[in-house]
């Protein structure tokens, strides 16, 4: 291994790490907010809105992220939609993950016992109060591990964005490999960096899960 390559290409690799974290953070916000919105809209008893939300979830979960990115980035200009690679990366990854988060939120939403909701109504709580004080805390406790696991998957999925030249880690490692004809150094760095990020996220998930379930320790 030629460790001097990391000195020469260190700024490029650090830039890649920054953009990976930046893109994933933006996509996570879009995914969580979009997933919660889709979940709530899907709970409507009737009308076209629940059908549209199911269609959205089915389409985005049923097609590869790579195909969606290509359609928006390369197909968008044909219909007058032009976005930068960073906008497509953050928005595309966020909208893709929103479909998965919507299903996670739906499972948590429906898992709260109806007896507790009925008790909240008997106590005179309004609809928003029931959601914020009864349903939401319990559903988040139940689905927190799944949300964090999906976040880890999203970080790894972000490597696909290199196909549209988003300057994230995979793009940086590929550029380093192309210019130096090295394979081991750049892609070993890429693998180790992804492992470190996902390991830290998994540790965060474990700590959050322990804190949210602390009240169950005595049972």
Protein backbone atom coordinates (compact mmCIF):
# COMPACT_ATOMS: atom_id res chain seq x y z
CA UNK A 1 0.00 0.00 0.00
CA UNK A 2 1.15 3.50 -0.84
CA UNK A 3 0.13 5.57 2.16
CA UNK A 4 1.48 8.75 0.57
CA UNK A 5 -1.59 8.75 -1.66
CA UNK A 6 -3.70 9.63 1.36
CA UNK A 7 -1.57 12.72 1.94
CA UNK A 8 -2.00 13.87 -1.65
CA UNK A 9 -5.69 13.02 -1.91
CA UNK A 10 -6.60 13.68 1.71
CA UNK A 11 -8.49 16.95 0.98
CA UNK A 12 -10.48 15.25 -1.79
CA UNK A 13 -11.42 12.32 0.46
CA UNK A 14 -12.39 14.62 3.32
CA UNK A 15 -14.55 16.60 0.92
CA UNK A 16 -16.23 13.36 -0.07
CA UNK A 17 -16.98 12.52 3.57
CA UNK A 18 -18.44 15.98 4.11
CA UNK A 19 -20.75 15.72 1.12
CA UNK A 20 -21.82 12.21 2.08
CA UNK A 21 -22.86 13.41 5.52
CA UNK A 22 -24.44 16.56 4.06
CA UNK A 23 -26.49 14.66 1.49
CA UNK A 24 -27.56 12.01 4.00
CA UNK A 25 -28.60 14.62 6.56
CA UNK A 26 -30.72 16.48 4.02
CA UNK A 27 -32.24 13.27 2.68
CA UNK A 28 -32.99 12.08 6.21
CA UNK A 29 -34.96 15.24 7.00
CA UNK A 30 -36.94 14.91 3.76
CA UNK A 31 -37.47 11.20 4.33
CA UNK A 32 -38.69 11.51 7.90
CA UNK A 33 -41.01 14.45 7.27
CA UNK A 34 -42.26 12.98 4.01
CA UNK A 35 -42.75 9.56 5.58
CA UNK A 36 -44.75 10.97 8.48
CA UNK A 37 -46.89 13.03 6.09
CA UNK A 38 -47.56 9.99 3.90
CA UNK A 39 -48.43 7.95 6.98
CA UNK A 40 -50.95 10.50 8.25
CA UNK A 41 -52.50 11.04 4.83
CA UNK A 42 -52.82 7.31 4.40
CA UNK A 43 -54.90 7.04 7.56
CA UNK A 44 -57.78 8.94 5.98
CA UNK A 45 -60.86 6.68 5.93
CA UNK A 46 -61.87 7.40 2.34
CA UNK A 47 -61.19 9.52 -0.71
CA UNK A 48 -58.40 9.64 -3.31
CA UNK A 49 -55.65 10.75 -0.91
CA UNK A 50 -55.05 7.32 0.71
CA UNK A 51 -54.96 5.76 -2.76
CA UNK A 52 -52.40 8.32 -3.95
CA UNK A 53 -50.20 7.72 -0.91
CA UNK A 54 -50.30 3.95 -1.50
CA UNK A 55 -49.42 4.54 -5.15
CA UNK A 56 -46.47 6.70 -4.14
CA UNK A 57 -45.17 4.12 -1.67
CA UNK A 58 -45.63 1.28 -4.14
CA UNK A 59 -43.85 3.10 -6.97
CA UNK A 60 -40.89 4.31 -4.96
CA UNK A 61 -40.38 1.01 -3.14
CA UNK A 62 -40.91 -1.00 -6.30
CA UNK A 63 -38.33 0.71 -8.51
CA UNK A 64 -34.55 0.95 -7.95
CA UNK A 65 -33.11 4.20 -6.65
CA UNK A 66 -30.66 4.21 -9.56
CA UNK A 67 -33.51 4.27 -12.09
CA UNK A 68 -35.25 7.10 -10.23
CA UNK A 69 -32.06 9.15 -10.12
CA UNK A 70 -31.43 8.64 -13.83
CA UNK A 71 -34.99 9.60 -14.75
CA UNK A 72 -34.86 12.87 -12.82
CA UNK A 73 -31.29 13.91 -13.61
CA UNK A 74 -31.08 12.90 -17.27
CA UNK A 75 -34.76 12.81 -18.18
CA UNK A 76 -35.83 15.97 -16.37
CA UNK A 77 -34.31 18.43 -18.90
CA UNK A 78 -36.49 16.91 -21.67
CA UNK A 79 -39.59 18.19 -19.86
CA UNK A 80 -38.07 21.44 -18.64
CA UNK A 81 -36.91 20.27 -15.20
CA UNK A 82 -33.24 20.94 -14.58
CA UNK A 83 -31.66 20.33 -11.18
CA UNK A 84 -28.07 20.22 -10.02
CA UNK A 85 -26.56 16.88 -9.11
CA UNK A 86 -26.66 17.84 -5.43
CA UNK A 87 -30.35 18.75 -5.58
CA UNK A 88 -31.18 15.48 -7.33
CA UNK A 89 -29.04 13.57 -4.84
CA UNK A 90 -30.64 15.01 -1.71
CA UNK A 91 -34.17 15.20 -3.07
CA UNK A 92 -34.08 11.85 -4.86
CA UNK A 93 -32.63 9.97 -1.91
CA UNK A 94 -35.02 11.71 0.50
CA UNK A 95 -38.15 10.98 -1.55
CA UNK A 96 -37.02 7.39 -2.05
CA UNK A 97 -36.53 6.86 1.70
CA UNK A 98 -39.81 8.62 2.50
CA UNK A 99 -41.67 5.63 1.06
CA UNK A 100 -39.86 3.27 3.45
CA UNK A 101 -40.26 5.58 6.43
CA UNK A 102 -43.98 5.87 5.63
CA UNK A 103 -44.39 2.12 6.04
CA UNK A 104 -42.38 2.17 9.26
CA UNK A 105 -44.53 4.98 10.67
CA UNK A 106 -47.70 3.22 9.53
CA UNK A 107 -46.72 0.08 11.43
CA UNK A 108 -46.05 2.11 14.57
CA UNK A 109 -49.21 4.17 14.14
CA UNK A 110 -51.40 1.09 13.97
CA UNK A 111 -49.63 -0.73 16.80
CA UNK A 112 -50.81 1.61 19.58
CA UNK A 113 -53.58 -0.20 21.53
CA UNK A 114 -57.04 1.15 20.78
CA UNK A 115 -57.92 0.98 24.47
CA UNK A 116 -55.43 3.74 25.25
CA UNK A 117 -56.84 5.92 22.50
CA UNK A 118 -60.37 5.36 23.77
CA UNK A 119 -59.23 6.21 27.30
CA UNK A 120 -57.69 9.43 26.00
CA UNK A 121 -61.00 10.36 24.37
CA UNK A 122 -62.84 9.64 27.63
CA UNK A 123 -60.44 11.97 29.43
CA UNK A 124 -61.44 14.76 27.06
CA UNK A 125 -58.23 15.03 25.03
CA UNK A 126 -58.56 16.52 21.57
CA UNK A 127 -57.37 14.81 18.40
CA UNK A 128 -54.02 16.66 18.25
CA UNK A 129 -53.45 16.07 21.99
CA UNK A 130 -54.08 12.35 21.55
CA UNK A 131 -51.60 12.22 18.70
CA UNK A 132 -48.80 14.19 20.39
CA UNK A 133 -49.23 12.91 23.96
CA UNK A 134 -50.45 9.33 23.52
CA UNK A 135 -49.89 7.91 20.06
CA UNK A 136 -46.63 9.53 18.91
CA UNK A 137 -44.48 8.75 22.01
CA UNK A 138 -45.53 5.10 21.98
CA UNK A 139 -45.12 4.59 18.25
CA UNK A 140 -41.66 6.17 18.26
CA UNK A 141 -40.58 3.85 21.05
CA UNK A 142 -41.70 0.87 19.00
CA UNK A 143 -40.23 1.89 15.65
CA UNK A 144 -37.03 3.67 16.72
CA UNK A 145 -34.74 0.68 16.00
CA UNK A 146 -36.29 0.25 12.55
CA UNK A 147 -35.93 3.95 11.76
CA UNK A 148 -32.26 3.91 12.69
CA UNK A 149 -31.70 0.73 10.69
CA UNK A 150 -33.29 2.37 7.64
CA UNK A 151 -31.03 5.39 8.20
CA UNK A 152 -27.98 3.13 8.06
CA UNK A 153 -29.25 1.61 4.81
CA UNK A 154 -29.78 5.11 3.43
CA UNK A 155 -26.15 6.05 4.14
CA UNK A 156 -24.96 3.05 2.15
CA UNK A 157 -27.46 3.76 -0.63
CA UNK A 158 -25.95 7.22 -1.02
CA UNK A 159 -23.01 5.63 -2.86
CA UNK A 160 -25.32 5.28 -5.88
CA UNK A 161 -25.30 9.06 -6.25
CA UNK A 162 -21.78 8.83 -7.65
CA UNK A 163 -23.36 7.95 -11.03
CA UNK A 164 -24.54 11.57 -11.36
CA UNK A 165 -21.22 12.93 -10.03
CA UNK A 166 -22.43 14.04 -6.62
CA UNK A 167 -19.07 14.76 -4.91
CA UNK A 168 -19.55 12.21 -2.12
CA UNK A 169 -17.12 9.53 -0.93
CA UNK A 170 -17.55 7.06 -3.78
CA UNK A 171 -17.00 9.79 -6.36
CA UNK A 172 -13.84 10.92 -4.56
CA UNK A 173 -12.50 7.37 -4.26
CA UNK A 174 -13.22 6.68 -7.92
CA UNK A 175 -11.44 9.86 -8.98
CA UNK A 176 -8.44 8.93 -6.84
CA UNK A 177 -8.38 5.45 -8.38
CA UNK A 178 -8.66 6.79 -11.93
CA UNK A 179 -5.84 9.30 -11.52
CA UNK A 180 -3.43 7.01 -9.69
CA UNK A 181 -4.40 3.61 -11.18
CA UNK A 182 -4.69 2.39 -7.61
CA UNK A 183 -7.52 0.18 -6.48
CA UNK A 184 -6.73 -1.03 -2.98
CA UNK A 185 -6.03 2.31 -1.30
CA UNK A 186 -9.08 4.36 -2.39
CA UNK A 187 -11.64 1.59 -2.10
CA UNK A 188 -10.24 0.29 1.17
CA UNK A 189 -10.57 3.83 2.50
CA UNK A 190 -14.13 3.91 1.17
CA UNK A 191 -15.06 0.62 2.83
CA UNK A 192 -13.51 1.56 6.17
CA UNK A 193 -15.16 5.00 6.19
CA UNK A 194 -18.61 3.57 5.46
CA UNK A 195 -18.04 0.98 8.17
CA UNK A 196 -17.09 3.67 10.70
CA UNK A 197 -20.16 5.78 9.87
CA UNK A 198 -22.56 2.83 10.06
CA UNK A 199 -20.90 1.56 13.24
CA UNK A 200 -21.35 4.92 14.94
CA UNK A 201 -24.98 5.02 13.82
CA UNK A 202 -25.58 1.52 15.16
CA UNK A 203 -24.08 2.49 18.51
CA UNK A 204 -26.28 5.57 18.58
CA UNK A 205 -29.27 3.37 17.80
CA UNK A 206 -28.41 1.04 20.67
CA UNK A 207 -28.07 3.90 23.14
CA UNK A 208 -31.32 5.53 22.06
CA UNK A 209 -33.12 2.22 22.25
CA UNK A 210 -31.81 1.64 25.76
CA UNK A 211 -32.93 5.09 26.87
CA UNK A 212 -36.39 4.81 25.37
CA UNK A 213 -36.91 1.35 26.86
CA UNK A 214 -35.47 2.17 30.27
CA UNK A 215 -38.92 2.22 31.81
CA UNK A 216 -39.35 -1.44 30.81
CA UNK A 217 -36.24 -2.62 32.64
CA UNK A 218 -38.08 -3.51 35.83
CA UNK A 219 -40.74 -5.62 34.06
